[in-house]
C-alpha cells in the first residue's frame, strides 16, 4: 500500500474556491480503482493549511490517478488558489 501526504496552503481569499475544487477531486478520486481512502483535512491550529491523506493499492494505481481528467483539471486550477506548490510525499507501507 502507498500512503500519500500532500500539504498545501490556500490563499485566504480563495478558500471557498479551493474547498469546492478539492471536494470534486476527492469525490471522483474515491471512485478510482486502487483508491482505498482519499481525505482532505485542515490543520486545527493554522487556518488554510491543508493536507491530503491518500491510501493507494499500489504505485500503478497512483500513477493512473495522476492521469485522470479530474486530477489533471485540479492541477490546472489549484495553482491560483494556493500560496506555493504542494509538498507531496509518498510512503510505501506493508499491508
PDB file of N, CA and C in Angstrom:
ATOM      1  N   UNK A   1       0.848  -1.177   0.000  1.00  0.00           N
ATOM      2  CA  UNK A   1       0.000   0.000   0.000  1.00  0.00           C
ATOM      3  C   UNK A   1       0.889   1.234   0.000  1.00  0.00           C
ATOM      4  N   UNK A   2       0.400   2.265  -0.645  1.00  0.00           N
ATOM      5  CA  UNK A   2       1.118   3.531  -0.745  1.00  0.00           C
ATOM      6  C   UNK A   2       0.300   4.614  -0.044  1.00  0.00           C
ATOM      7  N   UNK A   3       0.939   5.336   0.861  1.00  0.00           N
ATOM      8  CA  UNK A   3       0.300   6.445   1.564  1.00  0.00           C
ATOM      9  C   UNK A   3       0.883   7.734   0.999  1.00  0.00           C
ATOM     10  N   UNK A   4       0.017   8.668   0.644  1.00  0.00           N
ATOM     11  CA  UNK A   4       0.458   9.960   0.120  1.00  0.00           C
ATOM     12  C   UNK A   4      -0.015  11.055   1.061  1.00  0.00           C
ATOM     13  N   UNK A   5       0.904  11.955   1.412  1.00  0.00           N
ATOM     14  CA  UNK A   5       0.587  13.167   2.166  1.00  0.00           C
ATOM     15  C   UNK A   5       0.966  14.333   1.266  1.00  0.00           C
ATOM     16  N   UNK A   6       0.012  15.182   0.979  1.00  0.00           N
ATOM     17  CA  UNK A   6       0.285  16.373   0.159  1.00  0.00           C
ATOM     18  C   UNK A   6      -0.192  17.596   0.937  1.00  0.00           C
ATOM     19  N   UNK A   7       0.746  18.418   1.384  1.00  0.00           N
ATOM     20  CA  UNK A   7       0.428  19.627   2.152  1.00  0.00           C
ATOM     21  C   UNK A   7       0.348  20.814   1.221  1.00  0.00           C
ATOM     22  N   UNK A   8      -0.618  21.681   1.491  1.00  0.00           N
ATOM     23  CA  UNK A   8      -0.702  22.932   0.745  1.00  0.00           C
ATOM     24  C   UNK A   8      -1.323  24.003   1.615  1.00  0.00           C
ATOM     25  N   UNK A   9      -0.993  25.242   1.289  1.00  0.00           N
ATOM     26  CA  UNK A   9      -1.553  26.386   1.998  1.00  0.00           C
ATOM     27  C   UNK A   9      -2.399  27.176   1.018  1.00  0.00           C
ATOM     28  N   UNK A  10      -3.666  27.301   1.344  1.00  0.00           N
ATOM     29  CA  UNK A  10      -4.590  28.023   0.477  1.00  0.00           C
ATOM     30  C   UNK A  10      -4.541  29.520   0.719  1.00  0.00           C
ATOM     31  N   UNK A  11      -4.813  30.280  -0.340  1.00  0.00           N
ATOM     32  CA  UNK A  11      -4.942  31.731  -0.192  1.00  0.00           C
ATOM     33  C   UNK A  11      -6.249  32.007   0.547  1.00  0.00           C
ATOM     34  N   UNK A  12      -6.196  32.854   1.558  1.00  0.00           N
ATOM     35  CA  UNK A  12      -7.370  33.122   2.391  1.00  0.00           C
ATOM     36  C   UNK A  12      -8.561  33.605   1.566  1.00  0.00           C
ATOM     37  N   UNK A  13      -8.315  34.444   0.566  1.00  0.00           N
ATOM     38  CA  UNK A  13      -9.418  34.987  -0.229  1.00  0.00           C
ATOM     39  C   UNK A  13      -9.923  34.005  -1.291  1.00  0.00           C
ATOM     40  N   UNK A  14      -9.278  32.835  -1.398  1.00  0.00           N
ATOM     41  CA  UNK A  14      -9.681  31.811  -2.374  1.00  0.00           C
ATOM     42  C   UNK A  14     -10.163  30.532  -1.688  1.00  0.00           C
ATOM     43  N   UNK A  15     -10.364  30.606  -0.379  1.00  0.00           N
ATOM     44  CA  UNK A  15     -10.718  29.427   0.411  1.00  0.00           C
ATOM     45  C   UNK A  15     -11.934  28.677  -0.129  1.00  0.00           C
ATOM     46  N   UNK A  16     -13.019  29.375  -0.403  1.00  0.00           N
ATOM     47  CA  UNK A  16     -14.239  28.713  -0.886  1.00  0.00           C
ATOM     48  C   UNK A  16     -14.008  28.000  -2.205  1.00  0.00           C
ATOM     49  N   UNK A  17     -13.268  28.652  -3.099  1.00  0.00           N
ATOM     50  CA  UNK A  17     -12.968  28.037  -4.395  1.00  0.00           C
ATOM     51  C   UNK A  17     -12.112  26.785  -4.222  1.00  0.00           C
ATOM     52  N   UNK A  18     -11.118  26.874  -3.340  1.00  0.00           N
ATOM     53  CA  UNK A  18     -10.245  25.729  -3.097  1.00  0.00           C
ATOM     54  C   UNK A  18     -11.036  24.555  -2.528  1.00  0.00           C
ATOM     55  N   UNK A  19     -11.877  24.814  -1.546  1.00  0.00           N
ATOM     56  CA  UNK A  19     -12.646  23.734  -0.938  1.00  0.00           C
ATOM     57  C   UNK A  19     -13.591  23.077  -1.940  1.00  0.00           C
ATOM     58  N   UNK A  20     -14.228  23.862  -2.783  1.00  0.00           N
ATOM     59  CA  UNK A  20     -15.117  23.299  -3.808  1.00  0.00           C
ATOM     60  C   UNK A  20     -14.324  22.445  -4.798  1.00  0.00           C
ATOM     61  N   UNK A  21     -13.169  22.929  -5.207  1.00  0.00           N
ATOM     62  CA  UNK A  21     -12.328  22.190  -6.148  1.00  0.00           C
ATOM     63  C   UNK A  21     -11.876  20.864  -5.533  1.00  0.00           C
ATOM     64  N   UNK A  22     -11.461  20.904  -4.278  1.00  0.00           N
ATOM     65  CA  UNK A  22     -10.986  19.699  -3.602  1.00  0.00           C
ATOM     66  C   UNK A  22     -12.122  18.705  -3.388  1.00  0.00           C
ATOM     67  N   UNK A  23     -13.304  19.181  -3.052  1.00  0.00           N
ATOM     68  CA  UNK A  23     -14.432  18.267  -2.847  1.00  0.00           C
ATOM     69  C   UNK A  23     -14.737  17.489  -4.117  1.00  0.00           C
ATOM     70  N   UNK A  24     -14.681  18.152  -5.254  1.00  0.00           N
ATOM     71  CA  UNK A  24     -14.899  17.461  -6.525  1.00  0.00           C
ATOM     72  C   UNK A  24     -13.794  16.439  -6.782  1.00  0.00           C
ATOM     73  N   UNK A  25     -12.546  16.835  -6.540  1.00  0.00           N
ATOM     74  CA  UNK A  25     -11.420  15.929  -6.743  1.00  0.00           C
ATOM     75  C   UNK A  25     -11.540  14.700  -5.847  1.00  0.00           C
ATOM     76  N   UNK A  26     -11.810  14.913  -4.582  1.00  0.00           N
ATOM     77  CA  UNK A  26     -11.885  13.800  -3.630  1.00  0.00           C
ATOM     78  C   UNK A  26     -13.011  12.839  -4.000  1.00  0.00           C
ATOM     79  N   UNK A  27     -14.159  13.372  -4.349  1.00  0.00           N
ATOM     80  CA  UNK A  27     -15.305  12.537  -4.716  1.00  0.00           C
ATOM     81  C   UNK A  27     -14.972  11.638  -5.898  1.00  0.00           C
ATOM     82  N   UNK A  28     -14.363  12.208  -6.922  1.00  0.00           N
ATOM     83  CA  UNK A  28     -14.004  11.434  -8.113  1.00  0.00           C
ATOM     84  C   UNK A  28     -12.869  10.459  -7.829  1.00  0.00           C
ATOM     85  N   UNK A  29     -11.899  10.888  -7.044  1.00  0.00           N
ATOM     86  CA  UNK A  29     -10.741  10.036  -6.753  1.00  0.00           C
ATOM     87  C   UNK A  29     -11.134   8.800  -5.963  1.00  0.00           C
ATOM     88  N   UNK A  30     -12.075   8.939  -5.048  1.00  0.00           N
ATOM     89  CA  UNK A  30     -12.509   7.793  -4.238  1.00  0.00           C
ATOM     90  C   UNK A  30     -13.144   6.696  -5.077  1.00  0.00           C
ATOM     91  N   UNK A  31     -13.617   7.038  -6.265  1.00  0.00           N
ATOM     92  CA  UNK A  31     -14.246   6.052  -7.152  1.00  0.00           C
ATOM     93  C   UNK A  31     -13.227   5.301  -8.008  1.00  0.00           C
ATOM     94  N   UNK A  32     -11.983   5.735  -7.983  1.00  0.00           N
ATOM     95  CA  UNK A  32     -10.961   5.113  -8.819  1.00  0.00           C
ATOM     96  C   UNK A  32     -10.569   3.734  -8.293  1.00  0.00           C
ATOM     97  N   UNK A  33     -10.293   2.837  -9.243  1.00  0.00           N
ATOM     98  CA  UNK A  33      -9.780   1.514  -8.889  1.00  0.00           C
ATOM     99  C   UNK A  33      -8.427   1.700  -8.202  1.00  0.00           C
ATOM    100  N   UNK A  34      -8.256   1.064  -7.064  1.00  0.00           N
ATOM    101  CA  UNK A  34      -6.997   1.134  -6.337  1.00  0.00           C
ATOM    102  C   UNK A  34      -6.948   2.196  -5.259  1.00  0.00           C
ATOM    103  N   UNK A  35      -7.991   3.019  -5.150  1.00  0.00           N
ATOM    104  CA  UNK A  35      -8.036   4.043  -4.105  1.00  0.00           C
ATOM    105  C   UNK A  35      -8.730   3.455  -2.874  1.00  0.00           C
ATOM    106  N   UNK A  36      -8.006   3.379  -1.775  1.00  0.00           N
ATOM    107  CA  UNK A  36      -8.591   2.864  -0.528  1.00  0.00           C
ATOM    108  C   UNK A  36      -9.170   3.994   0.326  1.00  0.00           C
ATOM    109  N   UNK A  37      -8.561   5.181   0.234  1.00  0.00           N
ATOM    110  CA  UNK A  37      -9.033   6.324   1.017  1.00  0.00           C
ATOM    111  C   UNK A  37      -8.467   7.598   0.401  1.00  0.00           C
ATOM    112  N   UNK A  38      -9.250   8.676   0.487  1.00  0.00           N
ATOM    113  CA  UNK A  38      -8.815   9.966  -0.065  1.00  0.00           C
ATOM    114  C   UNK A  38      -9.452  11.051   0.774  1.00  0.00           C
ATOM    115  N   UNK A  39      -8.680  11.660   1.658  1.00  0.00           N
ATOM    116  CA  UNK A  39      -9.201  12.657   2.601  1.00  0.00           C
ATOM    117  C   UNK A  39      -8.452  13.973   2.441  1.00  0.00           C
ATOM    118  N   UNK A  40      -9.130  15.060   2.771  1.00  0.00           N
ATOM    119  CA  UNK A  40      -8.553  16.395   2.739  1.00  0.00           C
ATOM    120  C   UNK A  40      -8.889  17.036   4.072  1.00  0.00           C
ATOM    121  N   UNK A  41      -7.862  17.424   4.825  1.00  0.00           N
ATOM    122  CA  UNK A  41      -8.056  17.899   6.190  1.00  0.00           C
ATOM    123  C   UNK A  41      -7.366  19.243   6.393  1.00  0.00           C
ATOM    124  N   UNK A  42      -7.898  20.027   7.325  1.00  0.00           N
ATOM    125  CA  UNK A  42      -7.284  21.308   7.661  1.00  0.00           C
ATOM    126  C   UNK A  42      -6.635  21.232   9.030  1.00  0.00           C
ATOM    127  N   UNK A  43      -5.473  21.844   9.155  1.00  0.00           N
ATOM    128  CA  UNK A  43      -4.794  21.954  10.439  1.00  0.00           C
ATOM    129  C   UNK A  43      -5.720  22.725  11.389  1.00  0.00           C
ATOM    130  N   UNK A  44      -5.906  22.230  12.582  1.00  0.00           N
ATOM    131  CA  UNK A  44      -6.799  22.891  13.534  1.00  0.00           C
ATOM    132  C   UNK A  44      -6.175  24.123  14.178  1.00  0.00           C
ATOM    133  N   UNK A  45      -4.871  24.309  13.981  1.00  0.00           N
ATOM    134  CA  UNK A  45      -4.191  25.454  14.580  1.00  0.00           C
ATOM    135  C   UNK A  45      -3.742  26.495  13.563  1.00  0.00           C
ATOM    136  N   UNK A  46      -3.696  26.125  12.288  1.00  0.00           N
ATOM    137  CA  UNK A  46      -3.220  27.038  11.249  1.00  0.00           C
ATOM    138  C   UNK A  46      -4.256  27.088  10.134  1.00  0.00           C
ATOM    139  N   UNK A  47      -5.005  28.174  10.092  1.00  0.00           N
ATOM    140  CA  UNK A  47      -6.057  28.298   9.088  1.00  0.00           C
ATOM    141  C   UNK A  47      -5.470  28.292   7.681  1.00  0.00           C
ATOM    142  N   UNK A  48      -6.157  27.610   6.786  1.00  0.00           N
ATOM    143  CA  UNK A  48      -5.785  27.486   5.372  1.00  0.00           C
ATOM    144  C   UNK A  48      -4.553  26.623   5.136  1.00  0.00           C
ATOM    145  N   UNK A  49      -4.135  25.863   6.140  1.00  0.00           N
ATOM    146  CA  UNK A  49      -3.065  24.874   5.985  1.00  0.00           C
ATOM    147  C   UNK A  49      -3.751  23.510   5.894  1.00  0.00           C
ATOM    148  N   UNK A  50      -3.619  22.873   4.735  1.00  0.00           N
ATOM    149  CA  UNK A  50      -4.357  21.653   4.452  1.00  0.00           C
ATOM    150  C   UNK A  50      -3.425  20.500   4.131  1.00  0.00           C
ATOM    151  N   UNK A  51      -3.963  19.276   4.259  1.00  0.00           N
ATOM    152  CA  UNK A  51      -3.221  18.093   3.856  1.00  0.00           C
ATOM    153  C   UNK A  51      -4.178  17.077   3.228  1.00  0.00           C
ATOM    154  N   UNK A  52      -3.739  16.529   2.126  1.00  0.00           N
ATOM    155  CA  UNK A  52      -4.399  15.352   1.563  1.00  0.00           C
ATOM    156  C   UNK A  52      -3.767  14.146   2.229  1.00  0.00           C
ATOM    157  N   UNK A  53      -4.585  13.184   2.611  1.00  0.00           N
ATOM    158  CA  UNK A  53      -4.097  11.898   3.105  1.00  0.00           C
ATOM    159  C   UNK A  53      -4.762  10.848   2.224  1.00  0.00           C
ATOM    160  N   UNK A  54      -3.952  10.187   1.424  1.00  0.00           N
ATOM    161  CA  UNK A  54      -4.456   9.243   0.432  1.00  0.00           C
ATOM    162  C   UNK A  54      -3.860   7.863   0.679  1.00  0.00           C
ATOM    163  N   UNK A  55      -4.653   6.834   0.429  1.00  0.00           N
ATOM    164  CA  UNK A  55      -4.172   5.453   0.504  1.00  0.00           C
ATOM    165  C   UNK A  55      -4.457   4.794  -0.838  1.00  0.00           C
ATOM    166  N   UNK A  56      -3.397   4.302  -1.474  1.00  0.00           N
ATOM    167  CA  UNK A  56      -3.491   3.679  -2.792  1.00  0.00           C
ATOM    168  C   UNK A  56      -2.993   2.246  -2.727  1.00  0.00           C
ATOM    169  N   UNK A  57      -3.643   1.403  -3.492  1.00  0.00           N
ATOM    170  CA  UNK A  57      -3.294  -0.016  -3.542  1.00  0.00           C
ATOM    171  C   UNK A  57      -1.850  -0.222  -3.990  1.00  0.00           C
ATOM    172  N   UNK A  58      -1.380   0.603  -4.927  1.00  0.00           N
ATOM    173  CA  UNK A  58      -0.047   0.403  -5.495  1.00  0.00           C
ATOM    174  C   UNK A  58       0.428   1.680  -6.187  1.00  0.00           C
ATOM    175  N   UNK A  59       1.690   1.674  -6.577  1.00  0.00           N
ATOM    176  CA  UNK A  59       2.227   2.793  -7.350  1.00  0.00           C
ATOM    177  C   UNK A  59       1.502   2.903  -8.693  1.00  0.00           C
ATOM    178  N   UNK A  60       1.154   1.777  -9.282  1.00  0.00           N
ATOM    179  CA  UNK A  60       0.416   1.793 -10.549  1.00  0.00           C
ATOM    180  C   UNK A  60      -0.923   2.512 -10.394  1.00  0.00           C
ATOM    181  N   UNK A  61      -1.620   2.255  -9.299  1.00  0.00           N
ATOM    182  CA  UNK A  61      -2.909   2.918  -9.063  1.00  0.00           C
ATOM    183  C   UNK A  61      -2.713   4.423  -8.912  1.00  0.00           C
ATOM    184  N   UNK A  62      -1.675   4.818  -8.202  1.00  0.00           N
ATOM    185  CA  UNK A  62      -1.390   6.245  -8.040  1.00  0.00           C
ATOM    186  C   UNK A  62      -1.005   6.877  -9.379  1.00  0.00           C
ATOM    187  N   UNK A  63      -0.225   6.168 -10.172  1.00  0.00           N
ATOM    188  CA  UNK A  63       0.156   6.673 -11.494  1.00  0.00           C
ATOM    189  C   UNK A  63      -1.077   6.860 -12.379  1.00  0.00           C
ATOM    190  N   UNK A  64      -2.020   5.915 -12.326  1.00  0.00           N
ATOM    191  CA  UNK A  64      -3.274   6.053 -13.097  1.00  0.00           C
ATOM    192  C   UNK A  64      -4.062   7.265 -12.617  1.00  0.00           C
ATOM    193  N   UNK A  65      -4.076   7.470 -11.313  1.00  0.00           N
ATOM    194  CA  UNK A  65      -4.772   8.619 -10.726  1.00  0.00           C
ATOM    195  C   UNK A  65      -4.222   9.930 -11.295  1.00  0.00           C
ATOM    196  N   UNK A  66      -2.908  10.008 -11.421  1.00  0.00           N
ATOM    197  CA  UNK A  66      -2.261  11.229 -11.903  1.00  0.00           C
ATOM    198  C   UNK A  66      -2.596  11.539 -13.361  1.00  0.00           C
ATOM    199  N   UNK A  67      -3.189  10.584 -14.066  1.00  0.00           N
ATOM    200  CA  UNK A  67      -3.555  10.788 -15.472  1.00  0.00           C
ATOM    201  C   UNK A  67      -5.058  10.974 -15.681  1.00  0.00           C
ATOM    202  N   UNK A  68      -5.824  10.928 -14.609  1.00  0.00           N
ATOM    203  CA  UNK A  68      -7.280  11.050 -14.716  1.00  0.00           C
ATOM    204  C   UNK A  68      -7.675  12.497 -15.030  1.00  0.00           C
ATOM    205  N   UNK A  69      -8.716  12.678 -15.840  1.00  0.00           N
ATOM    206  CA  UNK A  69      -9.152  14.038 -16.191  1.00  0.00           C
ATOM    207  C   UNK A  69      -9.456  14.917 -14.976  1.00  0.00           C
ATOM    208  N   UNK A  70     -10.088  14.349 -13.934  1.00  0.00           N
ATOM    209  CA  UNK A  70     -10.404  15.172 -12.763  1.00  0.00           C
ATOM    210  C   UNK A  70      -9.140  15.626 -12.038  1.00  0.00           C
ATOM    211  N   UNK A  71      -8.094  14.800 -12.032  1.00  0.00           N
ATOM    212  CA  UNK A  71      -6.847  15.200 -11.390  1.00  0.00           C
ATOM    213  C   UNK A  71      -6.110  16.239 -12.231  1.00  0.00           C
ATOM    214  N   UNK A  72      -6.076  16.037 -13.538  1.00  0.00           N
ATOM    215  CA  UNK A  72      -5.413  16.997 -14.426  1.00  0.00           C
ATOM    216  C   UNK A  72      -6.103  18.356 -14.373  1.00  0.00           C
ATOM    217  N   UNK A  73      -7.421  18.353 -14.293  1.00  0.00           N
ATOM    218  CA  UNK A  73      -8.181  19.601 -14.171  1.00  0.00           C
ATOM    219  C   UNK A  73      -7.853  20.298 -12.849  1.00  0.00           C
ATOM    220  N   UNK A  74      -7.780  19.512 -11.773  1.00  0.00           N
ATOM    221  CA  UNK A  74      -7.416  20.056 -10.464  1.00  0.00           C
ATOM    222  C   UNK A  74      -6.043  20.730 -10.535  1.00  0.00           C
ATOM    223  N   UNK A  75      -5.078  20.061 -11.146  1.00  0.00           N
ATOM    224  CA  UNK A  75      -3.729  20.619 -11.258  1.00  0.00           C
ATOM    225  C   UNK A  75      -3.738  21.951 -12.008  1.00  0.00           C
ATOM    226  N   UNK A  76      -4.538  22.037 -13.045  1.00  0.00           N
ATOM    227  CA  UNK A  76      -4.609  23.278 -13.822  1.00  0.00           C
ATOM    228  C   UNK A  76      -5.166  24.438 -12.998  1.00  0.00           C
ATOM    229  N   UNK A  77      -6.101  24.148 -12.118  1.00  0.00           N
ATOM    230  CA  UNK A  77      -6.808  25.195 -11.387  1.00  0.00           C
ATOM    231  C   UNK A  77      -6.211  25.544 -10.029  1.00  0.00           C
ATOM    232  N   UNK A  78      -5.570  24.602  -9.366  1.00  0.00           N
ATOM    233  CA  UNK A  78      -5.165  24.802  -7.973  1.00  0.00           C
ATOM    234  C   UNK A  78      -4.055  25.840  -7.808  1.00  0.00           C
ATOM    235  N   UNK A  79      -3.210  26.014  -8.794  1.00  0.00           N
ATOM    236  CA  UNK A  79      -2.081  26.939  -8.657  1.00  0.00           C
ATOM    237  C   UNK A  79      -2.521  28.358  -8.301  1.00  0.00           C
ATOM    238  N   UNK A  80      -3.686  28.759  -8.770  1.00  0.00           N
ATOM    239  CA  UNK A  80      -4.191  30.103  -8.474  1.00  0.00           C
ATOM    240  C   UNK A  80      -4.848  30.214  -7.100  1.00  0.00           C
ATOM    241  N   UNK A  81      -4.981  29.088  -6.410  1.00  0.00           N
ATOM    242  CA  UNK A  81      -5.699  29.074  -5.135  1.00  0.00           C
ATOM    243  C   UNK A  81      -4.793  28.843  -3.930  1.00  0.00           C
ATOM    244  N   UNK A  82      -3.507  28.573  -4.178  1.00  0.00           N
ATOM    245  CA  UNK A  82      -2.569  28.270  -3.098  1.00  0.00           C
ATOM    246  C   UNK A  82      -1.386  29.238  -3.120  1.00  0.00           C
ATOM    247  N   UNK A  83      -0.677  29.291  -2.007  1.00  0.00           N
ATOM    248  CA  UNK A  83       0.432  30.240  -1.884  1.00  0.00           C
ATOM    249  C   UNK A  83       1.748  29.702  -2.450  1.00  0.00           C
ATOM    250  N   UNK A  84       1.850  28.379  -2.608  1.00  0.00           N
ATOM    251  CA  UNK A  84       3.069  27.738  -3.116  1.00  0.00           C
ATOM    252  C   UNK A  84       2.688  26.348  -3.631  1.00  0.00           C
ATOM    253  N   UNK A  85       3.554  25.739  -4.416  1.00  0.00           N
ATOM    254  CA  UNK A  85       3.268  24.365  -4.853  1.00  0.00           C
ATOM    255  C   UNK A  85       3.137  23.431  -3.652  1.00  0.00           C
ATOM    256  N   UNK A  86       2.313  22.394  -3.765  1.00  0.00           N
ATOM    257  CA  UNK A  86       2.159  21.459  -2.649  1.00  0.00           C
ATOM    258  C   UNK A  86       3.447  20.692  -2.355  1.00  0.00           C
ATOM    259  N   UNK A  87       3.602  20.304  -1.112  1.00  0.00           N
ATOM    260  CA  UNK A  87       4.697  19.435  -0.680  1.00  0.00           C
ATOM    261  C   UNK A  87       4.116  18.020  -0.649  1.00  0.00           C
ATOM    262  N   UNK A  88       4.550  17.178  -1.586  1.00  0.00           N
ATOM    263  CA  UNK A  88       3.968  15.842  -1.745  1.00  0.00           C
ATOM    264  C   UNK A  88       4.990  14.789  -1.347  1.00  0.00           C
ATOM    265  N   UNK A  89       4.557  13.876  -0.482  1.00  0.00           N
ATOM    266  CA  UNK A  89       5.417  12.776  -0.030  1.00  0.00           C
ATOM    267  C   UNK A  89       4.633  11.479  -0.086  1.00  0.00           C
ATOM    268  N   UNK A  90       5.278  10.445  -0.575  1.00  0.00           N
ATOM    269  CA  UNK A  90       4.644   9.125  -0.669  1.00  0.00           C
ATOM    270  C   UNK A  90       5.446   8.123   0.154  1.00  0.00           C
ATOM    271  N   UNK A  91       4.736   7.223   0.817  1.00  0.00           N
ATOM    272  CA  UNK A  91       5.357   6.245   1.696  1.00  0.00           C
ATOM    273  C   UNK A  91       4.814   4.858   1.373  1.00  0.00           C
ATOM    274  N   UNK A  92       5.698   3.915   1.109  1.00  0.00           N
ATOM    275  CA  UNK A  92       5.302   2.530   0.889  1.00  0.00           C
ATOM    276  C   UNK A  92       5.163   1.876   2.259  1.00  0.00           C
ATOM    277  N   UNK A  93       4.035   1.234   2.516  1.00  0.00           N
ATOM    278  CA  UNK A  93       3.817   0.574   3.798  1.00  0.00           C
ATOM    279  C   UNK A  93       3.367  -0.861   3.576  1.00  0.00           C
ATOM    280  N   UNK A  94       3.606  -1.711   4.551  1.00  0.00           N
ATOM    281  CA  UNK A  94       3.154  -3.085   4.475  1.00  0.00           C
ATOM    282  C   UNK A  94       1.654  -3.177   4.706  1.00  0.00           C
ATOM    283  N   UNK A  95       1.092  -4.251   4.310  1.00  0.00           N
ATOM    284  CA  UNK A  95      -0.361  -4.447   4.468  1.00  0.00           C
ATOM    285  C   UNK A  95      -0.721  -4.646   5.919  1.00  0.00           C
TER     286      UNK A  95
END
